[in-house]
């Protein structure tokens, strides 16, 4: 039987995100995302009784920095979405020129 202390500490977003990294649990996470209107207690009990216990380790995916994207954002004053679109249209030579113009001397 699940411990009541764990039940109160259940955070659906974090649990679903961590379960989505594994092939055997991604469907359970998706189901809980789909039924997010359910009470946390019900979600917790569904997951605790559906998923087989086993050791699962993975690192959280992190957003990678893109120097080309940052250069386009700074040069044109674009937000992330517009800069991503502009980056698809720019040639490597144009990106190189933008980076050269943004290069700050000194230090």
N, C-alpha and C. Protein backbone atom coordinates (compact mmCIF):
# COMPACT_ATOMS: atom_id res chain seq x y z
N UNK A 1 0.85 -1.19 0.00
CA UNK A 1 0.00 0.00 0.00
C UNK A 1 0.89 1.24 0.00
N UNK A 2 0.57 2.22 -0.83
CA UNK A 2 1.39 3.44 -0.92
C UNK A 2 1.36 4.24 0.38
N UNK A 3 2.47 4.87 0.64
CA UNK A 3 2.62 5.70 1.83
C UNK A 3 1.89 7.03 1.62
N UNK A 4 1.16 7.48 2.64
CA UNK A 4 0.40 8.73 2.53
C UNK A 4 1.30 9.94 2.36
N UNK A 5 2.51 9.90 2.93
CA UNK A 5 3.45 11.01 2.79
C UNK A 5 3.88 11.22 1.34
N UNK A 6 4.09 10.11 0.62
CA UNK A 6 4.46 10.20 -0.79
C UNK A 6 3.30 10.74 -1.62
N UNK A 7 2.12 10.36 -1.23
CA UNK A 7 0.92 10.80 -1.94
C UNK A 7 0.78 12.32 -1.90
N UNK A 8 1.11 12.92 -0.78
CA UNK A 8 1.00 14.38 -0.64
C UNK A 8 2.12 15.11 -1.38
N UNK A 9 3.26 14.43 -1.57
CA UNK A 9 4.39 15.05 -2.25
C UNK A 9 4.32 14.89 -3.77
N UNK A 10 3.33 14.19 -4.27
CA UNK A 10 3.19 13.93 -5.70
C UNK A 10 2.96 15.22 -6.47
N UNK A 11 3.84 15.50 -7.45
CA UNK A 11 3.71 16.67 -8.33
C UNK A 11 3.56 16.14 -9.75
N UNK A 12 2.35 16.21 -10.32
CA UNK A 12 2.09 15.58 -11.61
C UNK A 12 3.06 15.99 -12.72
N UNK A 13 3.38 17.25 -12.85
CA UNK A 13 4.27 17.70 -13.92
C UNK A 13 5.63 17.02 -13.85
N UNK A 14 6.22 17.01 -12.68
CA UNK A 14 7.56 16.43 -12.53
C UNK A 14 7.55 14.92 -12.74
N UNK A 15 6.55 14.26 -12.20
CA UNK A 15 6.46 12.81 -12.34
C UNK A 15 6.24 12.44 -13.81
N UNK A 16 5.32 13.11 -14.47
CA UNK A 16 5.04 12.80 -15.88
C UNK A 16 6.24 13.10 -16.76
N UNK A 17 6.95 14.17 -16.46
CA UNK A 17 8.13 14.50 -17.24
C UNK A 17 9.20 13.43 -17.07
N UNK A 18 9.42 13.00 -15.85
CA UNK A 18 10.45 11.99 -15.62
C UNK A 18 10.04 10.63 -16.20
N UNK A 19 8.77 10.30 -16.17
CA UNK A 19 8.32 9.03 -16.74
C UNK A 19 8.37 9.03 -18.27
N UNK A 20 8.32 10.20 -18.86
CA UNK A 20 8.32 10.29 -20.33
C UNK A 20 9.66 9.94 -20.94
N UNK A 21 10.71 9.78 -20.16
CA UNK A 21 12.03 9.44 -20.69
C UNK A 21 12.20 7.94 -20.95
N UNK A 22 11.27 7.12 -20.55
CA UNK A 22 11.43 5.68 -20.65
C UNK A 22 10.33 5.06 -21.51
N UNK A 23 10.73 4.13 -22.34
CA UNK A 23 9.80 3.50 -23.27
C UNK A 23 8.65 2.76 -22.56
N UNK A 24 8.94 2.17 -21.43
CA UNK A 24 7.90 1.39 -20.75
C UNK A 24 6.93 2.25 -19.94
N UNK A 25 7.23 3.53 -19.73
CA UNK A 25 6.34 4.37 -18.92
C UNK A 25 5.80 5.59 -19.65
N UNK A 26 6.24 5.82 -20.88
CA UNK A 26 5.82 7.02 -21.59
C UNK A 26 4.30 7.04 -21.81
N UNK A 27 3.71 5.90 -22.03
CA UNK A 27 2.26 5.84 -22.25
C UNK A 27 1.48 6.19 -20.98
N UNK A 28 2.00 5.79 -19.84
CA UNK A 28 1.35 6.15 -18.57
C UNK A 28 1.41 7.66 -18.35
N UNK A 29 2.57 8.25 -18.65
CA UNK A 29 2.72 9.70 -18.50
C UNK A 29 1.78 10.43 -19.44
N UNK A 30 1.66 9.95 -20.67
CA UNK A 30 0.76 10.57 -21.63
C UNK A 30 -0.69 10.48 -21.17
N UNK A 31 -1.04 9.35 -20.61
CA UNK A 31 -2.42 9.16 -20.12
C UNK A 31 -2.72 10.14 -18.98
N UNK A 32 -1.77 10.34 -18.09
CA UNK A 32 -1.98 11.29 -16.99
C UNK A 32 -2.00 12.73 -17.50
N UNK A 33 -1.25 13.03 -18.54
CA UNK A 33 -1.33 14.36 -19.14
C UNK A 33 -2.70 14.58 -19.77
N UNK A 34 -3.21 13.54 -20.40
CA UNK A 34 -4.52 13.62 -21.04
C UNK A 34 -5.64 13.78 -20.01
N UNK A 35 -5.47 13.14 -18.86
CA UNK A 35 -6.48 13.19 -17.80
C UNK A 35 -6.01 14.07 -16.63
N UNK A 36 -5.44 15.19 -16.96
CA UNK A 36 -4.88 16.06 -15.92
C UNK A 36 -5.93 16.67 -15.00
N UNK A 37 -7.21 16.58 -15.37
CA UNK A 37 -8.26 17.12 -14.52
C UNK A 37 -8.53 16.24 -13.30
N UNK A 38 -8.01 15.01 -13.33
CA UNK A 38 -8.20 14.12 -12.19
C UNK A 38 -7.47 14.65 -10.96
N UNK A 39 -7.97 14.32 -9.83
CA UNK A 39 -7.35 14.68 -8.57
C UNK A 39 -5.96 14.05 -8.49
N UNK A 40 -5.02 14.75 -7.85
CA UNK A 40 -3.65 14.24 -7.72
C UNK A 40 -3.61 12.88 -7.04
N UNK A 41 -4.48 12.67 -6.09
CA UNK A 41 -4.52 11.39 -5.37
C UNK A 41 -4.87 10.25 -6.33
N UNK A 42 -5.82 10.49 -7.21
CA UNK A 42 -6.21 9.47 -8.18
C UNK A 42 -5.08 9.19 -9.18
N UNK A 43 -4.42 10.25 -9.63
CA UNK A 43 -3.30 10.08 -10.55
C UNK A 43 -2.18 9.27 -9.89
N UNK A 44 -1.87 9.63 -8.67
CA UNK A 44 -0.82 8.95 -7.93
C UNK A 44 -1.12 7.46 -7.80
N UNK A 45 -2.33 7.14 -7.40
CA UNK A 45 -2.70 5.73 -7.21
C UNK A 45 -2.71 4.97 -8.53
N UNK A 46 -3.13 5.61 -9.61
CA UNK A 46 -3.09 4.96 -10.91
C UNK A 46 -1.66 4.60 -11.28
N UNK A 47 -0.74 5.56 -11.15
CA UNK A 47 0.65 5.31 -11.53
C UNK A 47 1.33 4.31 -10.61
N UNK A 48 1.12 4.43 -9.32
CA UNK A 48 1.80 3.56 -8.37
C UNK A 48 1.34 2.10 -8.53
N UNK A 49 0.10 1.91 -8.98
CA UNK A 49 -0.42 0.55 -9.14
C UNK A 49 -0.28 0.02 -10.57
N UNK A 50 0.12 0.86 -11.51
CA UNK A 50 0.24 0.43 -12.90
C UNK A 50 1.68 0.16 -13.34
N UNK A 51 2.60 0.92 -12.82
CA UNK A 51 3.99 0.82 -13.28
C UNK A 51 4.76 -0.14 -12.41
N UNK A 52 5.45 -1.06 -13.06
CA UNK A 52 6.27 -2.02 -12.32
C UNK A 52 7.49 -1.31 -11.75
N UNK A 53 7.83 -1.61 -10.51
CA UNK A 53 9.01 -0.98 -9.92
C UNK A 53 10.29 -1.51 -10.57
N UNK A 54 11.16 -0.61 -10.93
CA UNK A 54 12.49 -0.96 -11.41
C UNK A 54 13.34 0.30 -11.37
N UNK A 55 14.64 0.11 -11.43
CA UNK A 55 15.53 1.26 -11.38
C UNK A 55 15.54 1.94 -12.74
N UNK A 56 15.29 3.23 -12.73
CA UNK A 56 15.29 4.03 -13.95
C UNK A 56 16.13 5.27 -13.70
N UNK A 57 17.14 5.45 -14.51
CA UNK A 57 18.01 6.61 -14.37
C UNK A 57 18.15 7.31 -15.71
N UNK A 58 17.99 8.60 -15.72
CA UNK A 58 18.25 9.39 -16.92
C UNK A 58 18.50 10.84 -16.50
N UNK A 59 19.24 11.53 -17.34
CA UNK A 59 19.47 12.95 -17.08
C UNK A 59 18.37 13.74 -17.75
N UNK A 60 18.01 14.85 -17.15
CA UNK A 60 16.99 15.71 -17.72
C UNK A 60 17.55 16.38 -18.97
N UNK A 61 16.75 16.42 -20.00
CA UNK A 61 17.16 17.08 -21.23
C UNK A 61 17.26 18.58 -20.97
N UNK A 62 18.34 19.16 -21.45
CA UNK A 62 18.54 20.60 -21.26
C UNK A 62 18.61 21.28 -22.61
N UNK A 63 18.15 22.49 -22.64
CA UNK A 63 18.18 23.28 -23.85
C UNK A 63 19.63 23.62 -24.17
N UNK A 64 20.03 23.34 -25.41
CA UNK A 64 21.39 23.64 -25.82
C UNK A 64 21.46 25.05 -26.37
N UNK A 65 22.54 25.73 -26.06
CA UNK A 65 22.71 27.09 -26.54
C UNK A 65 23.17 27.06 -27.99
N UNK A 66 22.63 27.95 -28.78
CA UNK A 66 22.99 28.06 -30.18
C UNK A 66 23.54 29.46 -30.42
N UNK A 67 24.84 29.55 -30.68
CA UNK A 67 25.46 30.87 -30.84
C UNK A 67 24.95 31.58 -32.08
N UNK A 68 24.61 30.83 -33.14
CA UNK A 68 24.06 31.45 -34.35
C UNK A 68 22.71 32.09 -34.04
N UNK A 69 21.88 31.38 -33.32
CA UNK A 69 20.56 31.89 -32.97
C UNK A 69 20.67 33.14 -32.09
N UNK A 70 21.56 33.09 -31.12
CA UNK A 70 21.75 34.25 -30.23
C UNK A 70 22.26 35.46 -31.01
N UNK A 71 23.15 35.23 -31.98
CA UNK A 71 23.68 36.33 -32.78
C UNK A 71 22.58 36.98 -33.61
N UNK A 72 21.72 36.16 -34.22
CA UNK A 72 20.61 36.69 -35.03
C UNK A 72 19.65 37.46 -34.14
N UNK A 73 19.37 36.94 -32.95
CA UNK A 73 18.47 37.64 -32.02
C UNK A 73 19.02 39.01 -31.65
N UNK A 74 20.31 39.07 -31.36
CA UNK A 74 20.93 40.34 -30.96
C UNK A 74 21.04 41.30 -32.12
N UNK A 75 21.44 40.81 -33.28
CA UNK A 75 21.67 41.68 -34.44
C UNK A 75 20.38 42.32 -34.94
N UNK A 76 19.34 41.53 -35.08
CA UNK A 76 18.08 42.04 -35.61
C UNK A 76 17.09 42.47 -34.53
N UNK A 77 17.35 42.14 -33.28
CA UNK A 77 16.42 42.48 -32.21
C UNK A 77 15.19 41.60 -32.24
N UNK A 78 15.34 40.38 -32.74
CA UNK A 78 14.22 39.45 -32.85
C UNK A 78 14.04 38.66 -31.56
N UNK A 79 12.80 38.17 -31.38
CA UNK A 79 12.57 37.22 -30.29
C UNK A 79 12.99 35.84 -30.76
N UNK A 80 12.87 34.85 -29.92
CA UNK A 80 13.36 33.50 -30.21
C UNK A 80 12.71 32.92 -31.47
N UNK A 81 11.40 33.05 -31.58
CA UNK A 81 10.67 32.45 -32.70
C UNK A 81 11.06 33.08 -34.03
N UNK A 82 11.10 34.40 -34.07
CA UNK A 82 11.47 35.10 -35.31
C UNK A 82 12.91 34.81 -35.68
N UNK A 83 13.80 34.75 -34.70
CA UNK A 83 15.21 34.49 -34.97
C UNK A 83 15.39 33.08 -35.52
N UNK A 84 14.63 32.12 -35.03
CA UNK A 84 14.72 30.75 -35.52
C UNK A 84 14.29 30.68 -36.98
N UNK A 85 13.24 31.42 -37.32
CA UNK A 85 12.78 31.47 -38.71
C UNK A 85 13.83 32.15 -39.59
N UNK A 86 14.37 33.26 -39.12
CA UNK A 86 15.38 33.99 -39.89
C UNK A 86 16.64 33.14 -40.08
N UNK A 87 16.99 32.36 -39.11
CA UNK A 87 18.18 31.52 -39.18
C UNK A 87 18.07 30.50 -40.31
N UNK A 88 16.86 30.03 -40.58
CA UNK A 88 16.67 29.07 -41.67
C UNK A 88 16.87 29.74 -43.04
N UNK A 89 16.68 31.04 -43.10
CA UNK A 89 16.79 31.77 -44.37
C UNK A 89 18.20 32.29 -44.64
N UNK A 90 18.99 32.43 -43.60
CA UNK A 90 20.33 33.00 -43.75
C UNK A 90 21.35 31.95 -44.18
N UNK A 91 22.27 32.39 -45.01
CA UNK A 91 23.36 31.50 -45.45
C UNK A 91 24.46 31.50 -44.39
N UNK A 92 25.33 30.51 -44.41
CA UNK A 92 26.45 30.49 -43.47
C UNK A 92 27.34 31.74 -43.56
N UNK A 93 27.50 32.26 -44.77
CA UNK A 93 28.30 33.47 -44.94
C UNK A 93 27.64 34.68 -44.25
N UNK A 94 26.33 34.78 -44.39
CA UNK A 94 25.60 35.87 -43.74
C UNK A 94 25.69 35.77 -42.22
N UNK A 95 25.59 34.57 -41.70
CA UNK A 95 25.69 34.36 -40.25
C UNK A 95 27.09 34.74 -39.77
N UNK A 96 28.10 34.37 -40.56
CA UNK A 96 29.48 34.72 -40.22
C UNK A 96 29.65 36.23 -40.19
N UNK A 97 29.07 36.94 -41.17
CA UNK A 97 29.14 38.41 -41.22
C UNK A 97 28.46 39.03 -40.00
N UNK A 98 27.31 38.50 -39.63
CA UNK A 98 26.58 39.01 -38.46
C UNK A 98 27.43 38.85 -37.21
N UNK A 99 28.03 37.68 -37.04
CA UNK A 99 28.87 37.43 -35.87
C UNK A 99 30.08 38.37 -35.83
N UNK A 100 30.66 38.63 -37.00
CA UNK A 100 31.81 39.55 -37.07
C UNK A 100 31.40 40.95 -36.68
N UNK A 101 30.23 41.40 -37.10
CA UNK A 101 29.75 42.74 -36.76
C UNK A 101 29.41 42.87 -35.29
N UNK A 102 29.00 41.76 -34.68
CA UNK A 102 28.66 41.80 -33.25
C UNK A 102 29.87 41.63 -32.35
N UNK A 103 30.98 41.21 -32.93
CA UNK A 103 32.19 40.97 -32.14
C UNK A 103 32.64 42.27 -31.48
N UNK A 104 32.84 42.19 -30.21
CA UNK A 104 33.22 43.39 -29.43
C UNK A 104 34.71 43.32 -29.15
N UNK A 105 35.40 44.38 -29.45
CA UNK A 105 36.85 44.44 -29.22
C UNK A 105 37.14 44.83 -27.79
N UNK A 106 38.42 44.90 -27.45
CA UNK A 106 38.81 45.29 -26.12
C UNK A 106 39.20 44.09 -25.28
N UNK A 107 38.96 44.18 -24.02
CA UNK A 107 39.28 43.14 -23.03
C UNK A 107 40.49 42.38 -23.43
